[in-house]
C-alpha atoms as a PDB file:
ATOM      1  CA  MET A   1      34.380 102.164 102.518  1.00  0.00           C
ATOM      2  CA  TYR A   2      37.874 102.294 103.632  1.00  0.00           C
ATOM      3  CA  LYS A   3      40.273  99.270 103.713  1.00  0.00           C
ATOM      4  CA  THR A   4      39.203  97.627 107.165  1.00  0.00           C
ATOM      5  CA  GLY A   5      35.620  97.717 105.757  1.00  0.00           C
ATOM      6  CA  HIS A   6      36.371  96.176 102.442  1.00  0.00           C
ATOM      7  CA  TYR A   7      38.796  93.367 104.352  1.00  0.00           C
ATOM      8  CA  GLY A   8      35.470  92.773 106.540  1.00  0.00           C
ATOM      9  CA  ALA A   9      33.306  92.486 103.475  1.00  0.00           C
ATOM     10  CA  ALA A  10      35.820  90.362 101.617  1.00  0.00           C
ATOM     11  CA  LEU A  11      35.666  87.966 104.776  1.00  0.00           C
ATOM     12  CA  LEU A  12      31.927  88.033 105.215  1.00  0.00           C
ATOM     13  CA  VAL A  13      31.459  87.257 101.625  1.00  0.00           C
ATOM     14  CA  TYR A  14      33.975  84.587 101.416  1.00  0.00           C
ATOM     15  CA  ALA A  15      32.766  82.501 104.668  1.00  0.00           C
ATOM     16  CA  PRO A  16      30.292  80.191 102.991  1.00  0.00           C
ATOM     17  CA  VAL A  17      32.781  79.614 100.136  1.00  0.00           C
ATOM     18  CA  GLY A  18      35.500  78.795 102.752  1.00  0.00           C
ATOM     19  CA  TYR A  19      33.001  76.151 104.302  1.00  0.00           C
ATOM     20  CA  LEU A  20      32.533  74.128 101.351  1.00  0.00           C
ATOM     21  CA  LEU A  21      36.331  74.576 100.749  1.00  0.00           C
ATOM     22  CA  LEU A  22      37.341  73.456 103.983  1.00  0.00           C
ATOM     23  CA  ALA A  23      35.779  70.034 103.368  1.00  0.00           C
ATOM     24  CA  VAL A  24      37.815  69.726 100.197  1.00  0.00           C
ATOM     25  CA  ASP A  25      41.256  71.111 101.403  1.00  0.00           C
ATOM     26  CA  PRO A  26      42.004  73.377 104.324  1.00  0.00           C
ATOM     27  CA  ALA A  27      45.059  74.691 103.156  1.00  0.00           C
ATOM     28  CA  LEU A  28      42.911  75.698  99.651  1.00  0.00           C
ATOM     29  CA  ALA A  29      40.309  77.501 101.744  1.00  0.00           C
ATOM     30  CA  VAL A  30      42.881  79.699 103.697  1.00  0.00           C
ATOM     31  CA  VAL A  31      44.673  80.701 100.508  1.00  0.00           C
ATOM     32  CA  GLY A  32      41.425  81.266  98.937  1.00  0.00           C
ATOM     33  CA  ALA A  33      40.415  83.650 101.963  1.00  0.00           C
ATOM     34  CA  ALA A  34      43.997  85.460 101.778  1.00  0.00           C
ATOM     35  CA  ARG A  35      43.378  85.970  98.213  1.00  0.00           C
ATOM     36  CA  ALA A  36      39.961  87.144  98.388  1.00  0.00           C
ATOM     37  CA  VAL A  37      40.899  89.837 101.109  1.00  0.00           C
ATOM     38  CA  ALA A  38      44.213  90.932  99.093  1.00  0.00           C
ATOM     39  CA  LEU A  39      41.913  91.365  95.782  1.00  0.00           C
ATOM     40  CA  SER A  40      39.130  93.362  98.017  1.00  0.00           C
ATOM     41  CA  ARG A  41      40.842  96.647  97.250  1.00  0.00           C
ATOM     42  CA  LEU A  42      41.561  96.184  93.550  1.00  0.00           C
ATOM     43  CA  PRO A  43      38.766  98.208  92.594  1.00  0.00           C
ATOM     44  CA  ASP A  44      40.300 101.395  94.511  1.00  0.00           C
ATOM     45  CA  CYS A  45      43.098 101.421  91.987  1.00  0.00           C
ATOM     46  CA  ASP A  46      41.220 103.823  90.300  1.00  0.00           C
ATOM     47  CA  LEU A  47      42.731 106.435  92.933  1.00  0.00           C
ATOM     48  CA  ARG A  48      46.111 105.714  91.514  1.00  0.00           C
ATOM     49  CA  VAL A  49      45.647 106.247  87.870  1.00  0.00           C
ATOM     50  CA  PRO A  50      45.132 109.675  86.819  1.00  0.00           C
ATOM     51  CA  PHE A  51      42.501 109.132  83.900  1.00  0.00           C
ATOM     52  CA  LEU A  52      40.183 107.016  86.107  1.00  0.00           C
ATOM     53  CA  ASP A  53      37.485 108.599  87.957  1.00  0.00           C
ATOM     54  CA  HIS A  54      37.026 106.902  91.580  1.00  0.00           C
ATOM     55  CA  ARG A  55      33.799 104.878  91.698  1.00  0.00           C
ATOM     56  CA  GLY A  56      33.770 104.858  87.997  1.00  0.00           C
ATOM     57  CA  VAL A  57      34.615 101.805  85.766  1.00  0.00           C
ATOM     58  CA  THR A  58      36.465  99.876  88.345  1.00  0.00           C
ATOM     59  CA  HIS A  59      33.275  99.640  90.208  1.00  0.00           C
ATOM     60  CA  THR A  60      31.326  98.003  87.820  1.00  0.00           C
ATOM     61  CA  LEU A  61      30.122  94.215  87.053  1.00  0.00           C
ATOM     62  CA  ALA A  62      31.858  94.503  83.715  1.00  0.00           C
ATOM     63  CA  PHE A  63      35.370  95.224  85.714  1.00  0.00           C
ATOM     64  CA  LEU A  64      34.076  92.356  88.079  1.00  0.00           C
ATOM     65  CA  ALA A  65      33.842  90.008  84.956  1.00  0.00           C
ATOM     66  CA  VAL A  66      36.921  90.765  83.394  1.00  0.00           C
ATOM     67  CA  VAL A  67      39.026  90.444  86.537  1.00  0.00           C
ATOM     68  CA  VAL A  68      37.527  87.039  87.314  1.00  0.00           C
ATOM     69  CA  ALA A  69      38.182  86.224  83.450  1.00  0.00           C
ATOM     70  CA  ALA A  70      41.715  87.337  83.748  1.00  0.00           C
ATOM     71  CA  LEU A  71      42.711  85.890  87.147  1.00  0.00           C
ATOM     72  CA  GLY A  72      40.810  82.734  86.338  1.00  0.00           C
ATOM     73  CA  GLY A  73      42.986  82.449  82.912  1.00  0.00           C
ATOM     74  CA  ALA A  74      45.973  83.042  84.970  1.00  0.00           C
ATOM     75  CA  GLY A  75      45.115  80.574  87.576  1.00  0.00           C
ATOM     76  CA  TYR A  76      44.598  77.856  84.662  1.00  0.00           C
ATOM     77  CA  ALA A  77      48.142  78.979  83.006  1.00  0.00           C
ATOM     78  CA  VAL A  78      50.231  78.628  86.466  1.00  0.00           C
ATOM     79  CA  ALA A  79      48.446  75.587  87.826  1.00  0.00           C
ATOM     80  CA  GLY A  80      51.452  73.386  86.722  1.00  0.00           C
ATOM     81  CA  ALA A  81      53.991  75.363  88.534  1.00  0.00           C
ATOM     82  CA  VAL A  82      52.147  75.103  91.729  1.00  0.00           C
ATOM     83  CA  GLU A  83      51.519  71.611  91.458  1.00  0.00           C
ATOM     84  CA  THR A  84      47.640  71.640  91.113  1.00  0.00           C
ATOM     85  CA  SER A  85      44.896  71.051  88.180  1.00  0.00           C
ATOM     86  CA  PRO A  86      44.473  73.573  85.702  1.00  0.00           C
ATOM     87  CA  LEU A  87      40.641  73.455  86.744  1.00  0.00           C
ATOM     88  CA  ARG A  88      41.614  73.932  90.593  1.00  0.00           C
ATOM     89  CA  GLY A  89      43.997  76.761  89.860  1.00  0.00           C
ATOM     90  CA  ALA A  90      41.460  78.430  87.436  1.00  0.00           C
ATOM     91  CA  GLY A  91      38.676  77.930  89.921  1.00  0.00           C
ATOM     92  CA  LEU A  92      40.040  79.231  93.223  1.00  0.00           C
ATOM     93  CA  ALA A  93      41.647  82.238  91.423  1.00  0.00           C
ATOM     94  CA  ALA A  94      38.078  82.886  89.731  1.00  0.00           C
ATOM     95  CA  VAL A  95      36.283  82.572  93.073  1.00  0.00           C
ATOM     96  CA  ALA A  96      38.950  84.830  94.949  1.00  0.00           C
ATOM     97  CA  ALA A  97      38.600  87.631  92.333  1.00  0.00           C
ATOM     98  CA  ALA A  98      34.719  87.305  92.430  1.00  0.00           C
ATOM     99  CA  VAL A  99      34.544  87.529  96.277  1.00  0.00           C
ATOM    100  CA  GLY A 100      37.315  90.025  96.508  1.00  0.00           C
ATOM    101  CA  VAL A 101      36.132  92.422  93.910  1.00  0.00           C
ATOM    102  CA  GLY A 102      32.440  91.588  94.363  1.00  0.00           C
ATOM    103  CA  SER A 103      32.390  92.248  98.118  1.00  0.00           C
ATOM    104  CA  HIS A 104      34.212  95.584  97.250  1.00  0.00           C
ATOM    105  CA  LEU A 105      31.239  96.575  95.200  1.00  0.00           C
ATOM    106  CA  LEU A 106      28.751  95.609  97.618  1.00  0.00           C
ATOM    107  CA  ALA A 107      30.240  97.552 100.684  1.00  0.00           C
ATOM    108  CA  ASP A 108      30.893 100.588  98.323  1.00  0.00           C
ATOM    109  CA  ALA A 109      26.974 100.010  97.427  1.00  0.00           C
ATOM    110  CA  LEU A 110      26.107 100.697 101.261  1.00  0.00           C
ATOM    111  CA  THR A 111      27.448 104.243 100.999  1.00  0.00           C
ATOM    112  CA  PRO A 112      25.240 107.287  99.794  1.00  0.00           C
ATOM    113  CA  ALA A 113      27.643 107.558  96.548  1.00  0.00           C
ATOM    114  CA  GLY A 114      26.881 104.021  95.761  1.00  0.00           C
ATOM    115  CA  VAL A 115      28.623 102.478  92.583  1.00  0.00           C
ATOM    116  CA  PRO A 116      27.531 102.245  88.876  1.00  0.00           C
ATOM    117  CA  LEU A 117      27.102  98.510  88.728  1.00  0.00           C
ATOM    118  CA  LEU A 118      25.495  98.304  85.103  1.00  0.00           C
ATOM    119  CA  TRP A 119      27.813 100.714  83.174  1.00  0.00           C
ATOM    120  CA  PRO A 120      28.076 101.025  80.254  1.00  0.00           C
ATOM    121  CA  LEU A 121      24.475  99.952  80.058  1.00  0.00           C
ATOM    122  CA  SER A 122      23.563 102.600  82.653  1.00  0.00           C
ATOM    123  CA  GLY A 123      25.481 105.232  84.495  1.00  0.00           C
ATOM    124  CA  ARG A 124      22.554 105.038  87.428  1.00  0.00           C
ATOM    125  CA  ARG A 125      24.605 104.582  90.710  1.00  0.00           C
ATOM    126  CA  ILE A 126      23.083 101.545  93.181  1.00  0.00           C
ATOM    127  CA  SER A 127      23.039 103.008  96.778  1.00  0.00           C
ATOM    128  CA  LEU A 128      21.585 101.460  99.688  1.00  0.00           C
ATOM    129  CA  ASP A 129      22.606 104.545 101.677  1.00  0.00           C
ATOM    130  CA  VAL A 130      23.289 102.770 104.881  1.00  0.00           C
ATOM    131  CA  ALA A 131      26.522 104.383 106.096  1.00  0.00           C
ATOM    132  CA  THR A 132      29.322 107.077 104.985  1.00  0.00           C
ATOM    133  CA  ALA A 133      32.514 105.167 103.442  1.00  0.00           C
ATOM    134  CA  SER A 134      34.209 107.022 106.371  1.00  0.00           C
ATOM    135  CA  ASN A 135      32.065 105.602 109.125  1.00  0.00           C
ATOM    136  CA  PRO A 136      34.148 103.938 111.554  1.00  0.00           C
ATOM    137  CA  LEU A 137      31.390 102.054 112.992  1.00  0.00           C
ATOM    138  CA  ALA A 138      30.526 100.615 109.578  1.00  0.00           C
ATOM    139  CA  ASN A 139      33.911  99.817 108.768  1.00  0.00           C
ATOM    140  CA  TYR A 140      34.956  98.016 111.950  1.00  0.00           C
ATOM    141  CA  GLY A 141      31.649  96.646 111.895  1.00  0.00           C
ATOM    142  CA  LEU A 142      31.969  94.958 108.603  1.00  0.00           C
ATOM    143  CA  LEU A 143      35.482  93.843 109.932  1.00  0.00           C
ATOM    144  CA  ALA A 144      34.224  92.271 112.803  1.00  0.00           C
ATOM    145  CA  LEU A 145      31.363  90.483 111.018  1.00  0.00           C
ATOM    146  CA  GLY A 146      33.583  89.005 108.587  1.00  0.00           C
ATOM    147  CA  THR A 147      36.109  87.963 110.995  1.00  0.00           C
ATOM    148  CA  ALA A 148      33.203  86.470 113.140  1.00  0.00           C
ATOM    149  CA  ALA A 149      31.578  84.684 110.174  1.00  0.00           C
ATOM    150  CA  CYS A 150      34.965  83.145 109.199  1.00  0.00           C
ATOM    151  CA  LEU A 151      35.671  81.843 112.655  1.00  0.00           C
ATOM    152  CA  ALA A 152      32.239  80.468 112.834  1.00  0.00           C
ATOM    153  CA  VAL A 153      32.716  78.717 109.752  1.00  0.00           C
ATOM    154  CA  GLY A 154      36.015  77.364 111.081  1.00  0.00           C
ATOM    155  CA  SER A 155      34.575  75.867 114.010  1.00  0.00           C
ATOM    156  CA  LEU A 156      31.852  74.548 112.406  1.00  0.00           C
ATOM    157  CA  ALA A 157      33.876  72.838 109.876  1.00  0.00           C
ATOM    158  CA  ALA A 158      36.419  71.383 112.530  1.00  0.00           C
ATOM    159  CA  PRO A 159      36.378  67.569 112.943  1.00  0.00           C
END
């Protein structure tokens, strides 16, 4: 998928998380959504790193786990500086990473090229072969679905 599709996929996957967070802290829910969308293109860093193949190691569950652990740890470490509890900082960072990177993997699994989710255990690519990455209908459709899901969650959670 292209960036619009990845942003939409992140919003779509984040919507149920956002619903739960809205009950705890609306500002936290919005920050979490922004972080998830910001991280939704992280796996495509392989396009700018010469020795990495596109849709290689950065499109795996192993990469997802490393990013979630690293950002969760960073959230824990900086929590005091942003005046929140370490567990809240770690939790929000880890959830945003899981949603952002995880939604990217899911969106790319919709394409014929798929993703090697289980690398290094298996090099087999997982593909649902729904639409090509360049398909504007698929990309803007994901963006519309994600936006609609977040708007619906916001209206359901409103007092």
